[in-house]
Amino acid sequence: MEMIPKEKGVLLMSAKNIPVMCVDSNAIIVFETYDCFSNQILTEDQPFSSVGWNKINPATGPLFVNGAEPGDILKVEILDIKIASQGVMTTAPNLGVLGQIVTGETTKVIFIQGEKAIFNDKIQIPIKPMIGVIGTAPATEEIPTGTPGAHGGNMDCKKIIKGSTLYLPVNVPGALLSMGDLHAVMGDGEIVVCGLEIPGEVEVKVSVVKGESLPLPMLVDKEKVITIASAETLDEAAKMATIHMHQFLVEHLDIGIDEAGMLLSLVGDLRICQVVDPLMTARMEFPQWILDQYEYTLK
């Protein structure tokens, strides 16, 4: 199995990025990733300011997928996520929801033992490794890897885990898929601008889907189908995620406009992904069992 090493990466998602590897549709590939600090913080005496913004949120790639053309969809199946034995968190003034309360910089190294993150001598948190940054190249813009958008990017959605499948837009030939910013565990909101940041490896299967129209980015797991949206405000992102799910139900399940809205209000769960990046990200979760009742399966 081929691997893209962490040293092959980008800080912008762009059509100008030179692919580091080319694969056919249905290929399985491993992305080795830095943590969001480019593996620069190893001890608790290293503050966030020692890294510098020019090394934040590197994404490994991009990967060129043969046959992917603008208008297609790139299906990314997350087969496995392996993480290192220690991760790191930082806080600093003027960062995150508590930025006006935090008065100094603090770094905390957190070790992984078995399936637990050892937060302190009283608290051990079950890990749930996830991908913070994953996306394709935008058609014309150059978007920093730290910013989410319609292309994916820094969505910080804690549902992007092993066993889930992410659908992303193909805006340029080859799609140019990149990913990084793994978290051993993270709560919705990511309120101090980081989860448990950690290096690792992500094994994925990439496939080109043609002739399909979906509200992207879209995430699927065994229990939920999820629309993800990012905007300048959380209100806007929440509305976009909801409208996208409503659009999906109307177009793909052949449910009437009003009935689809009622159904979403009964069983749809509107949730926050993150509120600390240049754009805010929200998601609308909808139960898979209802899709099963309509005998609908995503390609």
Protein backbone atom coordinates (compact mmCIF):
# COMPACT_ATOMS: atom_id res chain seq x y z
CA MET A 1 0.00 0.00 0.00
CA GLU A 2 1.35 3.39 -0.98
CA MET A 3 1.86 6.18 1.54
CA ILE A 4 2.19 9.94 1.11
CA PRO A 5 4.75 11.07 3.72
CA LYS A 6 3.95 14.02 5.98
CA GLU A 7 6.79 16.02 4.45
CA LYS A 8 4.75 16.23 1.23
CA GLY A 9 2.16 18.83 2.13
CA VAL A 10 0.54 22.19 1.56
CA LEU A 11 -0.69 25.18 3.54
CA LEU A 12 -3.08 26.30 0.80
CA MET A 13 -5.69 24.26 -1.00
CA SER A 14 -5.23 25.36 -4.58
CA ALA A 15 -5.49 24.22 -8.19
CA LYS A 16 -1.87 25.36 -8.50
CA ASN A 17 -0.59 22.71 -6.09
CA ILE A 18 1.53 20.05 -7.78
CA PRO A 19 0.25 16.52 -7.06
CA VAL A 20 2.61 14.38 -5.00
CA MET A 21 1.00 11.13 -6.16
CA CYS A 22 -1.48 9.93 -8.79
CA VAL A 23 -3.84 6.98 -8.28
CA ASP A 24 -6.77 5.40 -10.06
CA SER A 25 -10.32 5.51 -8.76
CA ASN A 26 -10.94 2.90 -6.02
CA ALA A 27 -7.32 3.08 -4.86
CA ILE A 28 -6.38 2.73 -1.20
CA ILE A 29 -3.75 5.16 0.05
CA VAL A 30 -2.27 6.22 3.40
CA PHE A 31 -1.72 9.87 4.30
CA GLU A 32 0.92 10.41 7.00
CA THR A 33 0.16 13.67 8.82
CA TYR A 34 1.80 16.23 11.08
CA ASP A 35 -0.23 17.61 13.94
CA CYS A 36 -1.64 21.11 13.44
CA PHE A 37 1.55 22.61 14.88
CA SER A 38 3.75 20.82 12.30
CA ASN A 39 5.03 18.60 15.16
CA GLN A 40 6.90 21.64 16.53
CA ILE A 41 5.52 21.49 20.10
CA LEU A 42 6.93 18.54 22.04
CA THR A 43 7.16 19.82 25.62
CA GLU A 44 5.04 21.99 27.91
CA ASP A 45 7.61 24.80 27.94
CA GLN A 46 6.90 25.49 24.24
CA PRO A 47 4.01 27.99 23.84
CA PHE A 48 1.75 28.36 20.81
CA SER A 49 3.61 31.55 19.83
CA SER A 50 6.82 29.55 19.34
CA VAL A 51 5.36 27.89 16.23
CA GLY A 52 4.13 30.78 14.11
CA TRP A 53 1.05 30.89 11.90
CA ASN A 54 3.06 29.92 8.82
CA LYS A 55 3.35 26.39 10.21
CA ILE A 56 -0.22 25.90 11.41
CA ASN A 57 -2.53 23.26 9.91
CA PRO A 58 -0.33 21.61 7.26
CA ALA A 59 -2.25 19.16 5.06
CA THR A 60 -0.54 16.18 3.44
CA GLY A 61 -0.95 15.99 -0.34
CA PRO A 62 -2.38 16.74 -2.76
CA LEU A 63 -3.38 13.44 -4.28
CA PHE A 64 -4.41 13.36 -7.94
CA VAL A 65 -7.20 10.86 -8.68
CA ASN A 66 -7.24 9.79 -12.30
CA GLY A 67 -10.58 10.30 -14.04
CA ALA A 68 -11.85 12.90 -11.59
CA GLU A 69 -13.19 15.85 -13.58
CA PRO A 70 -14.92 19.09 -12.52
CA GLY A 71 -18.54 18.33 -11.68
CA ASP A 72 -17.77 14.84 -10.38
CA ILE A 73 -17.80 13.88 -6.70
CA LEU A 74 -14.84 12.43 -4.82
CA LYS A 75 -15.89 9.70 -2.39
CA VAL A 76 -13.39 9.30 0.46
CA GLU A 77 -13.90 6.27 2.67
CA ILE A 78 -12.04 6.56 5.99
CA LEU A 79 -10.74 3.02 6.51
CA ASP A 80 -8.48 3.64 9.48
CA ILE A 81 -6.90 6.37 11.60
CA LYS A 82 -3.74 5.62 13.61
CA ILE A 83 -2.44 8.21 16.07
CA ALA A 84 0.82 8.79 17.94
CA SER A 85 1.35 8.10 21.64
CA GLN A 86 1.14 11.74 22.71
CA GLY A 87 -0.70 14.87 21.65
CA VAL A 88 -0.70 18.49 22.67
CA MET A 89 -3.09 21.34 23.46
CA THR A 90 -2.41 25.06 23.80
CA THR A 91 -4.24 28.17 24.94
CA ALA A 92 -3.33 31.81 24.37
CA PRO A 93 -4.92 35.25 24.79
CA ASN A 94 -7.30 36.38 22.03
CA LEU A 95 -7.74 32.86 20.66
CA GLY A 96 -11.00 30.95 20.75
CA VAL A 97 -14.19 31.46 22.71
CA LEU A 98 -12.25 32.07 25.94
CA GLY A 99 -9.67 34.33 24.34
CA GLN A 100 -10.73 37.37 26.37
CA ILE A 101 -10.53 35.38 29.61
CA VAL A 102 -7.23 33.57 29.10
CA THR A 103 -4.36 35.77 30.30
CA GLY A 104 -1.30 33.73 29.35
CA GLU A 105 -0.08 30.94 27.13
CA THR A 106 -0.36 27.37 28.39
CA THR A 107 0.76 24.16 26.72
CA LYS A 108 -0.40 20.73 27.87
CA VAL A 109 1.10 17.46 26.64
CA ILE A 110 -1.42 14.61 26.89
CA PHE A 111 -0.34 10.98 26.60
CA ILE A 112 -2.35 8.19 25.00
CA GLN A 113 -2.52 4.91 26.92
CA GLY A 114 -4.54 2.20 25.25
CA GLU A 115 -7.82 3.82 24.20
CA LYS A 116 -7.64 6.68 26.70
CA ALA A 117 -6.16 10.19 26.73
CA ILE A 118 -4.63 10.83 30.16
CA PHE A 119 -5.82 14.38 30.87
CA ASN A 120 -4.71 14.37 34.51
CA ASP A 121 -4.49 12.00 37.49
CA LYS A 122 -8.30 12.01 37.81
CA ILE A 123 -9.53 12.16 34.21
CA GLN A 124 -8.98 9.64 31.43
CA ILE A 125 -10.92 10.47 28.25
CA PRO A 126 -11.83 7.79 25.67
CA ILE A 127 -10.17 8.66 22.38
CA LYS A 128 -12.09 9.03 19.14
CA PRO A 129 -9.55 9.90 16.42
CA MET A 130 -10.88 12.29 13.76
CA ILE A 131 -9.69 14.33 10.80
CA GLY A 132 -9.82 18.11 11.23
CA VAL A 133 -8.65 19.17 7.75
CA ILE A 134 -9.70 17.30 4.62
CA GLY A 135 -10.63 18.78 1.29
CA THR A 136 -10.16 19.16 -2.43
CA ALA A 137 -8.78 22.10 -4.39
CA PRO A 138 -11.19 24.99 -5.06
CA ALA A 139 -11.77 25.90 -8.70
CA THR A 140 -10.10 29.31 -8.67
CA GLU A 141 -9.36 30.44 -5.12
CA GLU A 142 -6.35 29.58 -2.98
CA ILE A 143 -7.80 28.81 0.44
CA PRO A 144 -5.59 28.34 3.52
CA THR A 145 -5.74 24.85 4.99
CA GLY A 146 -6.95 26.45 8.24
CA THR A 147 -10.16 27.70 6.60
CA PRO A 148 -13.24 25.55 5.89
CA GLY A 149 -15.58 25.98 2.94
CA ALA A 150 -17.52 24.27 0.19
CA HIS A 151 -14.33 22.40 -0.75
CA GLY A 152 -14.08 20.88 2.74
CA GLY A 153 -10.90 22.10 4.44
CA ASN A 154 -10.69 22.82 8.17
CA MET A 155 -14.23 21.71 9.01
CA ASP A 156 -13.20 20.21 12.37
CA CYS A 157 -16.20 17.87 12.26
CA LYS A 158 -15.76 15.22 14.93
CA LYS A 159 -17.84 12.79 12.86
CA ILE A 160 -15.07 12.40 10.24
CA ILE A 161 -13.74 9.21 11.79
CA LYS A 162 -12.87 5.62 10.91
CA GLY A 163 -15.84 4.00 9.21
CA SER A 164 -17.32 7.21 7.83
CA THR A 165 -17.44 8.29 4.19
CA LEU A 166 -16.96 11.88 3.08
CA TYR A 167 -18.21 13.18 -0.27
CA LEU A 168 -16.29 16.20 -1.62
CA PRO A 169 -16.59 18.28 -4.78
CA VAL A 170 -14.25 17.83 -7.71
CA ASN A 171 -13.49 21.38 -8.84
CA VAL A 172 -10.30 20.72 -10.81
CA PRO A 173 -8.94 17.74 -12.76
CA GLY A 174 -7.75 15.06 -10.34
CA ALA A 175 -9.61 16.64 -7.39
CA LEU A 176 -6.31 17.29 -5.53
CA LEU A 177 -7.19 15.79 -2.14
CA SER A 178 -5.23 16.83 0.95
CA MET A 179 -5.72 16.14 4.65
CA GLY A 180 -4.22 16.62 8.11
CA ASP A 181 -4.92 18.14 11.54
CA LEU A 182 -5.81 14.90 13.31
CA HIS A 183 -7.33 14.99 16.79
CA ALA A 184 -7.25 12.11 19.26
CA VAL A 185 -10.47 13.53 20.68
CA MET A 186 -12.36 16.83 20.33
CA GLY A 187 -15.64 18.25 21.56
CA ASP A 188 -18.09 20.04 19.32
CA GLY A 189 -17.08 23.69 19.08
CA GLU A 190 -13.29 23.22 19.54
CA ILE A 191 -13.61 26.24 21.83
CA VAL A 192 -9.92 26.91 22.57
CA VAL A 193 -8.95 26.50 18.88
CA CYS A 194 -7.59 23.00 19.34
CA GLY A 195 -8.63 19.46 20.09
CA LEU A 196 -6.04 16.97 21.27
CA GLU A 197 -3.70 17.69 18.36
CA ILE A 198 -1.71 14.66 17.30
CA PRO A 199 0.31 13.23 14.41
CA GLY A 200 -0.84 10.06 12.72
CA GLU A 201 -1.76 8.13 9.60
CA VAL A 202 -5.05 7.99 7.71
CA GLU A 203 -5.92 5.11 5.40
CA VAL A 204 -8.56 5.99 2.83
CA LYS A 205 -10.17 4.62 -0.29
CA VAL A 206 -10.79 7.25 -2.96
CA SER A 207 -13.40 6.78 -5.68
CA VAL A 208 -14.79 9.00 -8.42
CA VAL A 209 -18.58 9.30 -8.52
CA LYS A 210 -20.00 10.53 -11.81
CA GLY A 211 -23.52 11.63 -12.72
CA GLU A 212 -24.58 12.32 -9.13
CA SER A 213 -25.70 15.57 -7.50
CA LEU A 214 -25.31 15.98 -3.74
CA PRO A 215 -25.12 18.96 -1.38
CA LEU A 216 -21.41 18.94 -0.57
CA PRO A 217 -19.54 18.36 1.65
CA MET A 218 -21.63 15.40 2.79
CA LEU A 219 -20.70 12.76 5.37
CA VAL A 220 -22.19 9.32 5.90
CA ASP A 221 -21.77 6.72 8.64
CA LYS A 222 -23.76 3.70 9.77
CA GLU A 223 -26.28 5.79 11.67
CA LYS A 224 -26.40 9.23 10.04
CA VAL A 225 -26.20 11.13 6.80
CA ILE A 226 -24.74 14.58 7.49
CA THR A 227 -24.58 17.85 5.58
CA ILE A 228 -21.77 20.22 6.56
CA ALA A 229 -21.65 23.95 5.88
CA SER A 230 -19.30 26.81 6.74
CA ALA A 231 -20.02 30.54 6.78
CA GLU A 232 -18.98 33.80 8.43
CA THR A 233 -21.49 33.31 11.24
CA LEU A 234 -22.76 30.20 12.98
CA ASP A 235 -26.33 31.24 12.16
CA GLU A 236 -25.52 31.27 8.45
CA ALA A 237 -23.68 27.95 8.64
CA ALA A 238 -26.57 26.32 10.52
CA LYS A 239 -29.10 27.55 7.95
CA MET A 240 -26.94 26.35 5.06
CA ALA A 241 -26.47 22.88 6.56
CA THR A 242 -30.24 22.62 7.13
CA ILE A 243 -31.18 23.85 3.65
CA HIS A 244 -28.69 21.42 2.10
CA MET A 245 -30.21 18.48 3.97
CA HIS A 246 -33.72 19.59 3.02
CA GLN A 247 -32.60 19.81 -0.60
CA PHE A 248 -31.19 16.29 -0.39
CA LEU A 249 -34.42 14.85 1.01
CA VAL A 250 -36.60 16.54 -1.61
CA GLU A 251 -34.40 15.60 -4.56
CA HIS A 252 -33.31 12.09 -3.61
CA LEU A 253 -36.13 10.67 -1.49
CA ASP A 254 -38.92 12.35 -3.47
CA ILE A 255 -40.44 13.88 -0.34
CA GLY A 256 -42.53 17.03 -0.68
CA ILE A 257 -41.07 20.36 0.37
CA ASP A 258 -43.33 20.83 3.39
CA GLU A 259 -43.20 17.21 4.50
CA ALA A 260 -39.39 17.20 4.26
CA GLY A 261 -39.27 20.25 6.50
CA MET A 262 -41.55 18.63 9.04
CA LEU A 263 -39.48 15.45 9.00
CA LEU A 264 -36.27 17.42 9.56
CA SER A 265 -37.87 19.20 12.48
CA LEU A 266 -38.76 15.84 14.04
CA VAL A 267 -35.61 13.75 13.52
CA GLY A 268 -32.92 16.10 12.21
CA ASP A 269 -30.22 17.19 14.67
CA LEU A 270 -28.55 20.53 14.00
CA ARG A 271 -25.11 20.62 15.63
CA ILE A 272 -21.98 22.76 15.87
CA CYS A 273 -18.67 21.51 14.44
CA GLN A 274 -16.44 24.47 15.31
CA VAL A 275 -16.72 28.17 16.15
CA VAL A 276 -13.04 29.19 16.13
CA ASP A 277 -11.83 29.10 12.52
CA PRO A 278 -12.01 31.95 9.97
CA LEU A 279 -15.44 30.56 9.04
CA MET A 280 -17.84 28.80 11.42
CA THR A 281 -18.99 25.24 10.67
CA ALA A 282 -22.29 23.49 11.46
CA ARG A 283 -23.80 20.16 10.49
CA MET A 284 -27.26 18.69 10.08
CA GLU A 285 -27.55 15.02 11.01
CA PHE A 286 -30.33 12.84 9.62
CA PRO A 287 -30.96 9.16 10.48
CA GLN A 288 -29.90 6.51 8.01
CA TRP A 289 -32.84 4.26 8.88
CA ILE A 290 -35.21 6.63 7.09
CA LEU A 291 -33.09 6.40 3.93
CA ASP A 292 -33.36 2.62 4.31
CA GLN A 293 -37.17 2.90 4.41
CA TYR A 294 -36.99 4.63 1.02
CA GLU A 295 -34.47 2.03 -0.22
CA TYR A 296 -32.02 4.81 -1.00
CA THR A 297 -28.27 4.26 -0.81
CA LEU A 298 -25.56 6.76 -1.63
CA LYS A 299 -23.20 5.60 -4.36
